[in-house]
Amino acid sequence: MRCGVFYHIYNRGINGEDLFKEERNYAFFLKQYSKYIQPVAETYAYCLMRNHFHLLVKTREAEEIIRNVVKNENVGRVLNPSDVTDANADKIISNQFSKLFNSYAQAINKAYGRTGGLFEELFRRIPVDDDDYFVQLVYYIHANPQKHGFAEDFRDYPHSSYHAHLSKMDTKLKRAELLTWFGNEEGYQKYHLPNQVLADLEKFEIEFD
């Protein structure tokens, strides 16, 4: 993964197994996500579903990663500041995502008496470099629970970033910046009207969808 790039990141449970077995698992994943990913990437949208997830992130620049590693004690235990250079920052980003998924899998294995891998292969990532693709991807991520039958109306689904972008509460999401991609909050809501048909939605269809 390269620094300063938008990525659509997704994966599912091995053999379609559930990643989130009960409500507390969602909160734990987001806690681990903040610990491992916040120092190396900014999050624009996410959706966690029972057996798979989608993320839209922008990786930080190398200098910012170094600065975050140095000032954050928790991250310091994960990344040694002396190991971070411009040359290897790209690899560090990928490693942080791997550490997130490994730490979550280990916790689930311990809690539920299971062994082996939890996620299907390596996590998948697609660079996002087109404005239209970006806004359609945000909609696709938020609408995924309805698409897969986890909610009748995706706007009622509790484990996505849809409502966080409309909230006034503090958030680590890039809320203000994301809303500008839709013009404003009203434009964001209009774009997320239910049953919207996007002509290019097929481009987001992935193997396990």
N, C-alpha and C. Protein backbone atom coordinates (compact mmCIF):
# COMPACT_ATOMS: atom_id res chain seq x y z
N MET A 1 0.84 -1.19 0.00
CA MET A 1 0.00 0.00 0.00
C MET A 1 0.88 1.25 0.00
N ARG A 2 0.49 2.24 -0.80
CA ARG A 2 1.28 3.45 -0.94
C ARG A 2 0.75 4.57 -0.04
N CYS A 3 1.62 5.46 0.35
CA CYS A 3 1.23 6.59 1.19
C CYS A 3 0.39 7.59 0.38
N GLY A 4 -0.56 8.24 1.06
CA GLY A 4 -1.35 9.30 0.44
C GLY A 4 -2.32 8.85 -0.62
N VAL A 5 -2.83 7.63 -0.52
CA VAL A 5 -3.72 7.06 -1.54
C VAL A 5 -5.04 6.61 -0.89
N PHE A 6 -6.16 6.86 -1.58
CA PHE A 6 -7.45 6.32 -1.15
C PHE A 6 -7.52 4.84 -1.52
N TYR A 7 -8.05 4.03 -0.59
CA TYR A 7 -8.22 2.60 -0.85
C TYR A 7 -9.60 2.13 -0.39
N HIS A 8 -10.19 1.25 -1.19
CA HIS A 8 -11.35 0.46 -0.77
C HIS A 8 -10.78 -0.86 -0.25
N ILE A 9 -10.96 -1.12 1.02
CA ILE A 9 -10.42 -2.32 1.66
C ILE A 9 -11.58 -3.21 2.11
N TYR A 10 -11.49 -4.49 1.83
CA TYR A 10 -12.59 -5.38 2.19
C TYR A 10 -12.07 -6.80 2.38
N ASN A 11 -12.84 -7.57 3.11
CA ASN A 11 -12.54 -8.99 3.28
C ASN A 11 -13.74 -9.66 3.93
N ARG A 12 -13.71 -10.98 4.01
CA ARG A 12 -14.79 -11.72 4.66
C ARG A 12 -14.21 -12.83 5.52
N GLY A 13 -15.07 -13.48 6.28
CA GLY A 13 -14.65 -14.60 7.09
C GLY A 13 -14.30 -15.79 6.22
N ILE A 14 -13.35 -16.59 6.66
CA ILE A 14 -12.92 -17.75 5.90
C ILE A 14 -14.11 -18.70 5.70
N ASN A 15 -14.28 -19.15 4.47
CA ASN A 15 -15.41 -20.01 4.10
C ASN A 15 -16.76 -19.40 4.46
N GLY A 16 -16.81 -18.06 4.44
CA GLY A 16 -18.06 -17.37 4.75
C GLY A 16 -18.42 -17.35 6.22
N GLU A 17 -17.49 -17.75 7.09
CA GLU A 17 -17.76 -17.79 8.53
C GLU A 17 -18.01 -16.38 9.06
N ASP A 18 -18.81 -16.28 10.12
CA ASP A 18 -19.09 -14.98 10.73
C ASP A 18 -17.83 -14.39 11.35
N LEU A 19 -17.62 -13.10 11.10
CA LEU A 19 -16.55 -12.35 11.75
C LEU A 19 -17.03 -11.76 13.06
N PHE A 20 -18.31 -11.40 13.08
CA PHE A 20 -18.91 -10.75 14.24
C PHE A 20 -20.04 -11.64 14.75
N LYS A 21 -19.79 -12.28 15.87
CA LYS A 21 -20.72 -13.29 16.37
C LYS A 21 -21.76 -12.70 17.32
N GLU A 22 -21.45 -11.56 17.91
CA GLU A 22 -22.38 -10.88 18.80
C GLU A 22 -22.03 -9.39 18.82
N GLU A 23 -22.91 -8.59 19.43
CA GLU A 23 -22.79 -7.13 19.35
C GLU A 23 -21.45 -6.62 19.84
N ARG A 24 -20.93 -7.19 20.91
CA ARG A 24 -19.69 -6.66 21.48
C ARG A 24 -18.51 -6.81 20.52
N ASN A 25 -18.59 -7.73 19.58
CA ASN A 25 -17.50 -7.92 18.63
C ASN A 25 -17.30 -6.71 17.74
N TYR A 26 -18.39 -6.06 17.35
CA TYR A 26 -18.30 -4.88 16.49
C TYR A 26 -17.53 -3.76 17.19
N ALA A 27 -17.87 -3.53 18.46
CA ALA A 27 -17.19 -2.48 19.23
C ALA A 27 -15.72 -2.81 19.43
N PHE A 28 -15.43 -4.08 19.68
CA PHE A 28 -14.04 -4.47 19.88
C PHE A 28 -13.23 -4.29 18.60
N PHE A 29 -13.80 -4.65 17.46
CA PHE A 29 -13.10 -4.47 16.19
C PHE A 29 -12.77 -2.99 15.97
N LEU A 30 -13.73 -2.11 16.22
CA LEU A 30 -13.49 -0.68 16.01
C LEU A 30 -12.44 -0.14 16.98
N LYS A 31 -12.41 -0.68 18.19
CA LYS A 31 -11.39 -0.28 19.16
C LYS A 31 -10.00 -0.68 18.66
N GLN A 32 -9.87 -1.91 18.19
CA GLN A 32 -8.59 -2.36 17.64
C GLN A 32 -8.24 -1.60 16.36
N TYR A 33 -9.26 -1.31 15.57
CA TYR A 33 -9.06 -0.55 14.33
C TYR A 33 -8.45 0.81 14.64
N SER A 34 -9.00 1.49 15.64
CA SER A 34 -8.48 2.80 16.01
C SER A 34 -7.03 2.70 16.48
N LYS A 35 -6.74 1.68 17.23
CA LYS A 35 -5.38 1.50 17.77
C LYS A 35 -4.36 1.29 16.66
N TYR A 36 -4.67 0.43 15.72
CA TYR A 36 -3.69 0.05 14.71
C TYR A 36 -3.73 0.92 13.45
N ILE A 37 -4.90 1.39 13.06
CA ILE A 37 -5.03 2.04 11.75
C ILE A 37 -5.02 3.56 11.81
N GLN A 38 -5.56 4.14 12.87
CA GLN A 38 -5.61 5.60 12.96
C GLN A 38 -4.25 6.27 12.74
N PRO A 39 -3.15 5.70 13.23
CA PRO A 39 -1.84 6.34 13.02
C PRO A 39 -1.34 6.29 11.58
N VAL A 40 -1.89 5.39 10.76
CA VAL A 40 -1.36 5.24 9.39
C VAL A 40 -2.37 5.56 8.30
N ALA A 41 -3.64 5.77 8.67
CA ALA A 41 -4.66 6.05 7.65
C ALA A 41 -5.82 6.82 8.25
N GLU A 42 -6.50 7.60 7.40
CA GLU A 42 -7.71 8.32 7.79
C GLU A 42 -8.91 7.59 7.21
N THR A 43 -9.98 7.51 7.97
CA THR A 43 -11.14 6.72 7.56
C THR A 43 -12.28 7.63 7.09
N TYR A 44 -12.82 7.31 5.92
CA TYR A 44 -13.91 8.10 5.34
C TYR A 44 -15.25 7.38 5.43
N ALA A 45 -15.25 6.08 5.32
CA ALA A 45 -16.50 5.32 5.42
C ALA A 45 -16.17 3.88 5.80
N TYR A 46 -17.14 3.24 6.45
CA TYR A 46 -16.96 1.82 6.78
C TYR A 46 -18.32 1.16 6.95
N CYS A 47 -18.32 -0.14 6.85
CA CYS A 47 -19.51 -0.93 7.17
C CYS A 47 -19.05 -2.31 7.62
N LEU A 48 -19.47 -2.71 8.80
CA LEU A 48 -19.15 -4.03 9.34
C LEU A 48 -20.42 -4.87 9.31
N MET A 49 -20.36 -5.98 8.61
CA MET A 49 -21.49 -6.91 8.56
C MET A 49 -21.09 -8.25 9.14
N ARG A 50 -22.05 -9.08 9.39
CA ARG A 50 -21.81 -10.31 10.13
C ARG A 50 -20.62 -11.11 9.59
N ASN A 51 -20.53 -11.24 8.26
CA ASN A 51 -19.48 -12.10 7.71
C ASN A 51 -18.49 -11.39 6.80
N HIS A 52 -18.62 -10.06 6.65
CA HIS A 52 -17.63 -9.32 5.87
C HIS A 52 -17.69 -7.84 6.19
N PHE A 53 -16.73 -7.09 5.66
CA PHE A 53 -16.67 -5.66 5.96
C PHE A 53 -16.14 -4.89 4.75
N HIS A 54 -16.40 -3.58 4.75
CA HIS A 54 -15.86 -2.66 3.75
C HIS A 54 -15.32 -1.42 4.46
N LEU A 55 -14.18 -0.92 3.98
CA LEU A 55 -13.58 0.30 4.51
C LEU A 55 -13.18 1.21 3.35
N LEU A 56 -13.30 2.51 3.55
CA LEU A 56 -12.76 3.49 2.61
C LEU A 56 -11.81 4.37 3.39
N VAL A 57 -10.53 4.27 3.08
CA VAL A 57 -9.51 5.00 3.84
C VAL A 57 -8.59 5.76 2.90
N LYS A 58 -7.88 6.71 3.48
CA LYS A 58 -6.78 7.37 2.78
C LYS A 58 -5.54 7.20 3.63
N THR A 59 -4.53 6.57 3.09
CA THR A 59 -3.30 6.35 3.85
C THR A 59 -2.58 7.68 4.08
N ARG A 60 -1.95 7.79 5.22
CA ARG A 60 -1.25 9.02 5.57
C ARG A 60 0.09 9.10 4.85
N GLU A 61 0.64 10.31 4.80
CA GLU A 61 1.97 10.49 4.24
C GLU A 61 3.02 9.98 5.22
N ALA A 62 4.21 9.66 4.71
CA ALA A 62 5.25 9.05 5.54
C ALA A 62 5.62 9.91 6.75
N GLU A 63 5.74 11.24 6.54
CA GLU A 63 6.13 12.12 7.65
C GLU A 63 5.09 12.08 8.77
N GLU A 64 3.81 12.00 8.38
CA GLU A 64 2.74 11.97 9.37
C GLU A 64 2.75 10.66 10.14
N ILE A 65 3.03 9.57 9.44
CA ILE A 65 3.12 8.27 10.11
C ILE A 65 4.23 8.30 11.16
N ILE A 66 5.37 8.85 10.78
CA ILE A 66 6.50 8.94 11.70
C ILE A 66 6.11 9.78 12.92
N ARG A 67 5.46 10.92 12.68
CA ARG A 67 5.05 11.81 13.77
C ARG A 67 4.07 11.11 14.71
N ASN A 68 3.14 10.37 14.16
CA ASN A 68 2.15 9.67 14.98
C ASN A 68 2.78 8.57 15.81
N VAL A 69 3.75 7.90 15.24
CA VAL A 69 4.43 6.82 15.95
C VAL A 69 5.19 7.39 17.14
N VAL A 70 5.84 8.51 16.94
CA VAL A 70 6.67 9.09 17.99
C VAL A 70 5.83 9.60 19.15
N LYS A 71 4.67 10.20 18.87
CA LYS A 71 3.90 10.87 19.93
C LYS A 71 2.89 9.97 20.63
N ASN A 72 2.63 8.79 20.11
CA ASN A 72 1.58 7.93 20.64
C ASN A 72 2.18 6.70 21.30
N GLU A 73 2.05 6.62 22.62
CA GLU A 73 2.66 5.52 23.35
C GLU A 73 2.09 4.17 22.93
N ASN A 74 0.78 4.10 22.75
CA ASN A 74 0.16 2.84 22.34
C ASN A 74 0.71 2.38 21.00
N VAL A 75 0.82 3.33 20.07
CA VAL A 75 1.34 2.99 18.76
C VAL A 75 2.81 2.66 18.85
N GLY A 76 3.50 3.31 19.78
CA GLY A 76 4.91 3.05 19.94
C GLY A 76 5.19 1.59 20.27
N ARG A 77 4.25 0.95 20.91
CA ARG A 77 4.42 -0.47 21.21
C ARG A 77 4.19 -1.33 19.97
N VAL A 78 3.50 -0.74 19.01
CA VAL A 78 3.19 -1.46 17.78
C VAL A 78 4.24 -1.16 16.72
N LEU A 79 4.61 0.12 16.63
CA LEU A 79 5.63 0.55 15.68
C LEU A 79 6.76 1.22 16.43
N ASN A 80 7.97 0.81 16.19
CA ASN A 80 9.13 1.45 16.78
C ASN A 80 9.50 2.66 15.93
N PRO A 81 9.50 3.89 16.49
CA PRO A 81 9.79 5.08 15.69
C PRO A 81 11.08 4.98 14.90
N SER A 82 12.08 4.32 15.46
CA SER A 82 13.36 4.22 14.77
C SER A 82 13.28 3.35 13.52
N ASP A 83 12.18 2.58 13.40
CA ASP A 83 12.02 1.71 12.24
C ASP A 83 11.30 2.38 11.09
N VAL A 84 10.76 3.59 11.32
CA VAL A 84 9.93 4.25 10.32
C VAL A 84 10.76 5.21 9.48
N THR A 85 10.80 4.99 8.18
CA THR A 85 11.47 5.87 7.24
C THR A 85 10.57 6.08 6.04
N ASP A 86 10.90 7.09 5.23
CA ASP A 86 10.12 7.31 4.01
C ASP A 86 10.10 6.06 3.15
N ALA A 87 11.22 5.35 3.13
CA ALA A 87 11.36 4.21 2.23
C ALA A 87 10.46 3.04 2.62
N ASN A 88 10.26 2.83 3.91
CA ASN A 88 9.49 1.65 4.31
C ASN A 88 8.10 1.98 4.85
N ALA A 89 7.69 3.26 4.78
CA ALA A 89 6.37 3.64 5.30
C ALA A 89 5.25 2.88 4.59
N ASP A 90 5.40 2.65 3.28
CA ASP A 90 4.38 1.93 2.53
C ASP A 90 4.15 0.54 3.13
N LYS A 91 5.24 -0.14 3.42
CA LYS A 91 5.13 -1.49 3.98
C LYS A 91 4.53 -1.46 5.38
N ILE A 92 4.84 -0.42 6.13
CA ILE A 92 4.32 -0.31 7.49
C ILE A 92 2.80 -0.22 7.48
N ILE A 93 2.24 0.49 6.50
CA ILE A 93 0.79 0.62 6.41
C ILE A 93 0.15 -0.76 6.26
N SER A 94 0.66 -1.54 5.31
CA SER A 94 0.13 -2.90 5.11
C SER A 94 0.29 -3.75 6.36
N ASN A 95 1.45 -3.60 7.01
CA ASN A 95 1.69 -4.38 8.22
C ASN A 95 0.70 -4.04 9.33
N GLN A 96 0.34 -2.74 9.42
CA GLN A 96 -0.61 -2.34 10.46
C GLN A 96 -1.99 -2.97 10.23
N PHE A 97 -2.41 -3.03 8.97
CA PHE A 97 -3.69 -3.69 8.68
C PHE A 97 -3.60 -5.18 9.02
N SER A 98 -2.48 -5.80 8.69
CA SER A 98 -2.31 -7.22 9.02
C SER A 98 -2.34 -7.44 10.53
N LYS A 99 -1.71 -6.53 11.27
CA LYS A 99 -1.71 -6.65 12.73
C LYS A 99 -3.11 -6.48 13.30
N LEU A 100 -3.88 -5.57 12.71
CA LEU A 100 -5.28 -5.40 13.14
C LEU A 100 -6.04 -6.71 12.99
N PHE A 101 -5.99 -7.29 11.80
CA PHE A 101 -6.77 -8.49 11.53
C PHE A 101 -6.26 -9.68 12.35
N ASN A 102 -4.95 -9.76 12.54
CA ASN A 102 -4.40 -10.85 13.34
C ASN A 102 -4.82 -10.72 14.81
N SER A 103 -4.76 -9.50 15.33
CA SER A 103 -5.13 -9.29 16.74
C SER A 103 -6.60 -9.59 16.96
N TYR A 104 -7.44 -9.21 16.00
CA TYR A 104 -8.87 -9.48 16.13
C TYR A 104 -9.14 -10.98 16.06
N ALA A 105 -8.49 -11.65 15.12
CA ALA A 105 -8.68 -13.10 14.97
C ALA A 105 -8.24 -13.84 16.22
N GLN A 106 -7.13 -13.43 16.81
CA GLN A 106 -6.65 -14.08 18.03
C GLN A 106 -7.64 -13.91 19.17
N ALA A 107 -8.22 -12.71 19.27
CA ALA A 107 -9.19 -12.45 20.34
C ALA A 107 -10.46 -13.29 20.14
N ILE A 108 -10.92 -13.39 18.90
CA ILE A 108 -12.12 -14.18 18.61
C ILE A 108 -11.85 -15.66 18.88
N ASN A 109 -10.68 -16.14 18.46
CA ASN A 109 -10.33 -17.54 18.71
C ASN A 109 -10.33 -17.86 20.20
N LYS A 110 -9.77 -16.95 20.98
CA LYS A 110 -9.70 -17.16 22.43
C LYS A 110 -11.09 -17.11 23.06
N ALA A 111 -11.91 -16.16 22.61
CA ALA A 111 -13.23 -15.97 23.21
C ALA A 111 -14.20 -17.11 22.88
N TYR A 112 -14.03 -17.70 21.69
CA TYR A 112 -15.02 -18.69 21.24
C TYR A 112 -14.43 -20.09 21.05
N GLY A 113 -13.22 -20.29 21.56
CA GLY A 113 -12.64 -21.62 21.54
C GLY A 113 -12.40 -22.17 20.15
N ARG A 114 -12.05 -21.30 19.21
CA ARG A 114 -11.78 -21.77 17.86
C ARG A 114 -10.28 -21.65 17.58
N THR A 115 -9.83 -22.26 16.50
CA THR A 115 -8.42 -22.19 16.10
C THR A 115 -8.34 -21.87 14.61
N GLY A 116 -7.15 -21.47 14.18
CA GLY A 116 -6.93 -21.22 12.76
C GLY A 116 -7.29 -19.81 12.34
N GLY A 117 -7.21 -19.58 11.04
CA GLY A 117 -7.49 -18.26 10.49
C GLY A 117 -8.96 -17.90 10.58
N LEU A 118 -9.22 -16.60 10.66
CA LEU A 118 -10.59 -16.10 10.71
C LEU A 118 -10.98 -15.42 9.40
N PHE A 119 -10.01 -14.73 8.79
CA PHE A 119 -10.28 -14.00 7.56
C PHE A 119 -9.88 -14.81 6.33
N GLU A 120 -10.53 -14.55 5.23
CA GLU A 120 -10.24 -15.25 3.99
C GLU A 120 -9.02 -14.64 3.31
N GLU A 121 -7.93 -15.37 3.29
CA GLU A 121 -6.70 -14.94 2.63
C GLU A 121 -6.25 -13.57 3.13
N LEU A 122 -5.50 -12.84 2.30
CA LEU A 122 -5.06 -11.50 2.63
C LEU A 122 -6.20 -10.52 2.41
N PHE A 123 -6.19 -9.42 3.16
CA PHE A 123 -7.23 -8.42 2.93
C PHE A 123 -7.05 -7.83 1.54
N ARG A 124 -8.14 -7.42 0.94
CA ARG A 124 -8.12 -6.94 -0.44
C ARG A 124 -8.22 -5.42 -0.45
N ARG A 125 -7.52 -4.79 -1.39
CA ARG A 125 -7.55 -3.33 -1.46
C ARG A 125 -7.52 -2.88 -2.91
N ILE A 126 -8.33 -1.87 -3.20
CA ILE A 126 -8.42 -1.30 -4.54
C ILE A 126 -8.18 0.20 -4.43
N PRO A 127 -7.19 0.76 -5.14
CA PRO A 127 -6.99 2.21 -5.13
C PRO A 127 -8.20 2.94 -5.70
N VAL A 128 -8.53 4.08 -5.12
CA VAL A 128 -9.66 4.90 -5.57
C VAL A 128 -9.10 6.23 -6.04
N ASP A 129 -9.21 6.52 -7.34
CA ASP A 129 -8.60 7.74 -7.87
C ASP A 129 -9.54 8.53 -8.78
N ASP A 130 -10.84 8.32 -8.64
CA ASP A 130 -11.82 9.00 -9.47
C ASP A 130 -12.93 9.55 -8.57
N ASP A 131 -13.31 10.82 -8.78
CA ASP A 131 -14.30 11.47 -7.91
C ASP A 131 -15.66 10.76 -7.96
N ASP A 132 -16.14 10.43 -9.15
CA ASP A 132 -17.43 9.75 -9.27
C ASP A 132 -17.38 8.39 -8.60
N TYR A 133 -16.29 7.69 -8.81
CA TYR A 133 -16.11 6.38 -8.19
C TYR A 133 -16.15 6.52 -6.67
N PHE A 134 -15.53 7.57 -6.15
CA PHE A 134 -15.45 7.79 -4.70
C PHE A 134 -16.85 7.91 -4.10
N VAL A 135 -17.68 8.80 -4.64
CA VAL A 135 -19.00 9.03 -4.03
C VAL A 135 -19.90 7.81 -4.21
N GLN A 136 -19.79 7.12 -5.34
CA GLN A 136 -20.58 5.91 -5.54
C GLN A 136 -20.13 4.81 -4.59
N LEU A 137 -18.82 4.77 -4.32
CA LEU A 137 -18.30 3.77 -3.39
C LEU A 137 -18.81 4.01 -1.98
N VAL A 138 -18.88 5.26 -1.56
CA VAL A 138 -19.43 5.58 -0.24
C VAL A 138 -20.86 5.05 -0.13
N TYR A 139 -21.65 5.31 -1.16
CA TYR A 139 -23.03 4.81 -1.17
C TYR A 139 -23.05 3.28 -1.14
N TYR A 140 -22.21 2.66 -1.95
CA TYR A 140 -22.16 1.20 -2.01
C TYR A 140 -21.83 0.61 -0.65
N ILE A 141 -20.85 1.20 0.03
CA ILE A 141 -20.45 0.70 1.34
C ILE A 141 -21.60 0.82 2.33
N HIS A 142 -22.25 1.97 2.35
CA HIS A 142 -23.35 2.17 3.29
C HIS A 142 -24.57 1.32 2.95
N ALA A 143 -24.81 1.07 1.67
CA ALA A 143 -25.99 0.32 1.24
C ALA A 143 -25.79 -1.19 1.32
N ASN A 144 -24.59 -1.64 1.61
CA ASN A 144 -24.29 -3.07 1.60
C ASN A 144 -25.17 -3.91 2.53
N PRO A 145 -25.50 -3.44 3.72
CA PRO A 145 -26.36 -4.27 4.60
C PRO A 145 -27.72 -4.56 3.99
N GLN A 146 -28.27 -3.60 3.27
CA GLN A 146 -29.56 -3.82 2.61
C GLN A 146 -29.40 -4.79 1.45
N LYS A 147 -28.30 -4.64 0.72
CA LYS A 147 -28.02 -5.51 -0.42
C LYS A 147 -27.94 -6.98 0.01
N HIS A 148 -27.37 -7.21 1.20
CA HIS A 148 -27.15 -8.58 1.66
C HIS A 148 -28.20 -9.05 2.66
N GLY A 149 -29.24 -8.26 2.85
CA GLY A 149 -30.34 -8.71 3.70
C GLY A 149 -30.12 -8.55 5.19
N PHE A 150 -29.14 -7.74 5.59
CA PHE A 150 -28.92 -7.50 7.01
C PHE A 150 -29.80 -6.37 7.54
N ALA A 151 -30.44 -5.63 6.65
CA ALA A 151 -31.34 -4.54 7.04
C ALA A 151 -32.32 -4.29 5.91
N GLU A 152 -33.55 -3.94 6.27
CA GLU A 152 -34.54 -3.59 5.25
C GLU A 152 -34.21 -2.24 4.63
N ASP A 153 -33.68 -1.34 5.45
CA ASP A 153 -33.25 -0.01 5.00
C ASP A 153 -31.87 0.21 5.58
N PHE A 154 -30.87 0.35 4.72
CA PHE A 154 -29.49 0.46 5.21
C PHE A 154 -29.30 1.66 6.14
N ARG A 155 -30.17 2.65 6.05
CA ARG A 155 -30.04 3.83 6.90
C ARG A 155 -30.37 3.51 8.36
N ASP A 156 -30.97 2.35 8.60
CA ASP A 156 -31.27 1.91 9.96
C ASP A 156 -30.20 0.97 10.51
N TYR A 157 -29.22 0.63 9.69
CA TYR A 157 -28.21 -0.35 10.12
C TYR A 157 -27.23 0.32 11.08
N PRO A 158 -26.93 -0.29 12.22
CA PRO A 158 -26.14 0.38 13.26
C PRO A 158 -24.63 0.32 13.11
N HIS A 159 -24.11 -0.56 12.24
CA HIS A 159 -22.67 -0.79 12.22
C HIS A 159 -21.99 -0.25 10.96
N SER A 160 -22.43 0.93 10.53
CA SER A 160 -21.77 1.61 9.41
C SER A 160 -21.54 3.06 9.79
N SER A 161 -20.85 3.79 8.93
CA SER A 161 -20.55 5.19 9.18
C SER A 161 -21.63 6.13 8.69
N TYR A 162 -22.73 5.59 8.16
CA TYR A 162 -23.76 6.46 7.57
C TYR A 162 -24.23 7.53 8.55
N HIS A 163 -24.66 7.13 9.75
CA HIS A 163 -25.20 8.09 10.71
C HIS A 163 -24.12 8.98 11.31
N ALA A 164 -22.91 8.47 11.44
CA ALA A 164 -21.83 9.27 12.02
C ALA A 164 -21.56 10.52 11.19
N HIS A 165 -21.79 10.44 9.88
CA HIS A 165 -21.56 11.60 9.02
C HIS A 165 -22.67 12.64 9.16
N LEU A 166 -23.77 12.28 9.79
CA LEU A 166 -24.87 13.22 10.01
C LEU A 166 -24.92 13.70 11.45
N SER A 167 -24.12 13.08 12.30
CA SER A 167 -24.13 13.40 13.72
C SER A 167 -23.29 14.64 14.02
N LYS A 168 -23.56 15.26 15.17
CA LYS A 168 -22.76 16.39 15.63
C LYS A 168 -21.74 15.95 16.68
N MET A 169 -21.75 14.69 17.00
CA MET A 169 -20.82 14.16 17.99
C MET A 169 -19.42 14.05 17.41
N ASP A 170 -18.43 14.09 18.28
CA ASP A 170 -17.05 13.95 17.84
C ASP A 170 -16.85 12.60 17.15
N THR A 171 -16.01 12.59 16.16
CA THR A 171 -15.73 11.36 15.43
C THR A 171 -14.31 11.39 14.88
N LYS A 172 -13.73 10.22 14.72
CA LYS A 172 -12.42 10.13 14.08
C LYS A 172 -12.53 10.00 12.57
N LEU A 173 -13.76 9.90 12.08
CA LEU A 173 -13.98 9.87 10.64
C LEU A 173 -13.66 11.24 10.04
N LYS A 174 -13.33 11.27 8.76
CA LYS A 174 -13.12 12.52 8.04
C LYS A 174 -14.47 13.05 7.57
N ARG A 175 -15.32 13.37 8.53
CA ARG A 175 -16.71 13.72 8.25
C ARG A 175 -16.84 14.97 7.39
N ALA A 176 -16.24 16.07 7.82
CA ALA A 176 -16.39 17.34 7.10
C ALA A 176 -15.90 17.22 5.67
N GLU A 177 -14.76 16.56 5.49
CA GLU A 177 -14.20 16.42 4.15
C GLU A 177 -15.08 15.52 3.28
N LEU A 178 -15.59 14.44 3.86
CA LEU A 178 -16.43 13.54 3.07
C LEU A 178 -17.70 14.25 2.61
N LEU A 179 -18.31 15.04 3.48
CA LEU A 179 -19.56 15.72 3.11
C LEU A 179 -19.35 16.68 1.94
N THR A 180 -18.14 17.25 1.83
CA THR A 180 -17.89 18.17 0.71
C THR A 180 -17.92 17.43 -0.63
N TRP A 181 -17.65 16.14 -0.63
CA TRP A 181 -17.72 15.36 -1.87
C TRP A 181 -19.15 15.28 -2.39
N PHE A 182 -20.11 15.46 -1.48
CA PHE A 182 -21.52 15.44 -1.86
C PHE A 182 -22.12 16.84 -1.91
N GLY A 183 -21.29 17.85 -1.75
CA GLY A 183 -21.73 19.23 -1.75
C GLY A 183 -21.95 19.75 -0.34
N ASN A 184 -22.77 19.04 0.42
CA ASN A 184 -23.06 19.38 1.81
C ASN A 184 -23.84 18.22 2.44
N GLU A 185 -24.30 18.44 3.66
CA GLU A 185 -25.02 17.36 4.35
C GLU A 185 -26.31 16.98 3.63
N GLU A 186 -27.00 17.98 3.10
CA GLU A 186 -28.23 17.71 2.36
C GLU A 186 -27.95 16.87 1.12
N GLY A 187 -26.88 17.20 0.41
CA GLY A 187 -26.51 16.43 -0.77
C GLY A 187 -26.15 14.99 -0.41
N TYR A 188 -25.50 14.82 0.73
CA TYR A 188 -25.15 13.49 1.22
C TYR A 188 -26.41 12.66 1.47
N GLN A 189 -27.41 13.27 2.11
CA GLN A 189 -28.64 12.56 2.40
C GLN A 189 -29.42 12.23 1.13
N LYS A 190 -29.46 13.16 0.20
CA LYS A 190 -30.17 12.92 -1.06
C LYS A 190 -29.51 11.79 -1.84
N TYR A 191 -28.18 11.76 -1.82
CA TYR A 191 -27.48 10.71 -2.55
C TYR A 191 -27.76 9.34 -1.94
N HIS A 192 -28.07 9.34 -0.66
CA HIS A 192 -28.33 8.09 0.05
C HIS A 192 -29.81 7.76 0.15
N LEU A 193 -30.62 8.32 -0.74
CA LEU A 193 -32.03 7.95 -0.73
C LEU A 193 -32.17 6.44 -0.98
N PRO A 194 -33.10 5.78 -0.30
CA PRO A 194 -33.24 4.32 -0.46
C PRO A 194 -33.64 3.95 -1.88
N ASN A 195 -33.21 2.74 -2.25
CA ASN A 195 -33.56 2.17 -3.55
C ASN A 195 -32.99 2.95 -4.73
N GLN A 196 -31.98 3.76 -4.46
CA GLN A 196 -31.33 4.47 -5.55
C GLN A 196 -30.66 3.45 -6.47
N VAL A 197 -30.76 3.66 -7.75
CA VAL A 197 -30.14 2.76 -8.72
C VAL A 197 -28.95 3.49 -9.34
N LEU A 198 -27.78 2.94 -9.14
CA LEU A 198 -26.57 3.53 -9.71
C LEU A 198 -26.19 2.75 -10.95
N ALA A 199 -26.03 3.47 -12.04
CA ALA A 199 -25.75 2.80 -13.32
C ALA A 199 -24.47 2.00 -13.28
N ASP A 200 -23.48 2.48 -12.53
CA ASP A 200 -22.18 1.82 -12.52
C ASP A 200 -21.96 0.96 -11.29
N LEU A 201 -23.03 0.57 -10.61
CA LEU A 201 -22.87 -0.18 -9.36
C LEU A 201 -22.15 -1.50 -9.58
N GLU A 202 -22.23 -2.04 -10.80
CA GLU A 202 -21.59 -3.33 -11.08
C GLU A 202 -20.09 -3.29 -10.81
N LYS A 203 -19.49 -2.12 -10.95
CA LYS A 203 -18.04 -2.04 -10.77
C LYS A 203 -17.62 -2.38 -9.35
N PHE A 204 -18.57 -2.31 -8.41
CA PHE A 204 -18.24 -2.60 -7.02
C PHE A 204 -18.52 -4.05 -6.65
N GLU A 205 -19.12 -4.79 -7.57
CA GLU A 205 -19.41 -6.18 -7.27
C GLU A 205 -18.10 -6.94 -7.11
N ILE A 206 -17.94 -7.61 -5.99
CA ILE A 206 -16.71 -8.33 -5.72
C ILE A 206 -17.02 -9.81 -5.53
N GLU A 207 -16.01 -10.59 -5.52
CA GLU A 207 -16.17 -12.04 -5.61
C GLU A 207 -17.15 -12.62 -4.61
N PHE A 208 -17.10 -12.15 -3.36
CA PHE A 208 -17.95 -12.78 -2.37
C PHE A 208 -19.28 -12.09 -2.19
N ASP A 209 -19.60 -11.08 -3.02
CA ASP A 209 -20.90 -10.41 -2.93
C ASP A 209 -21.98 -11.25 -3.60
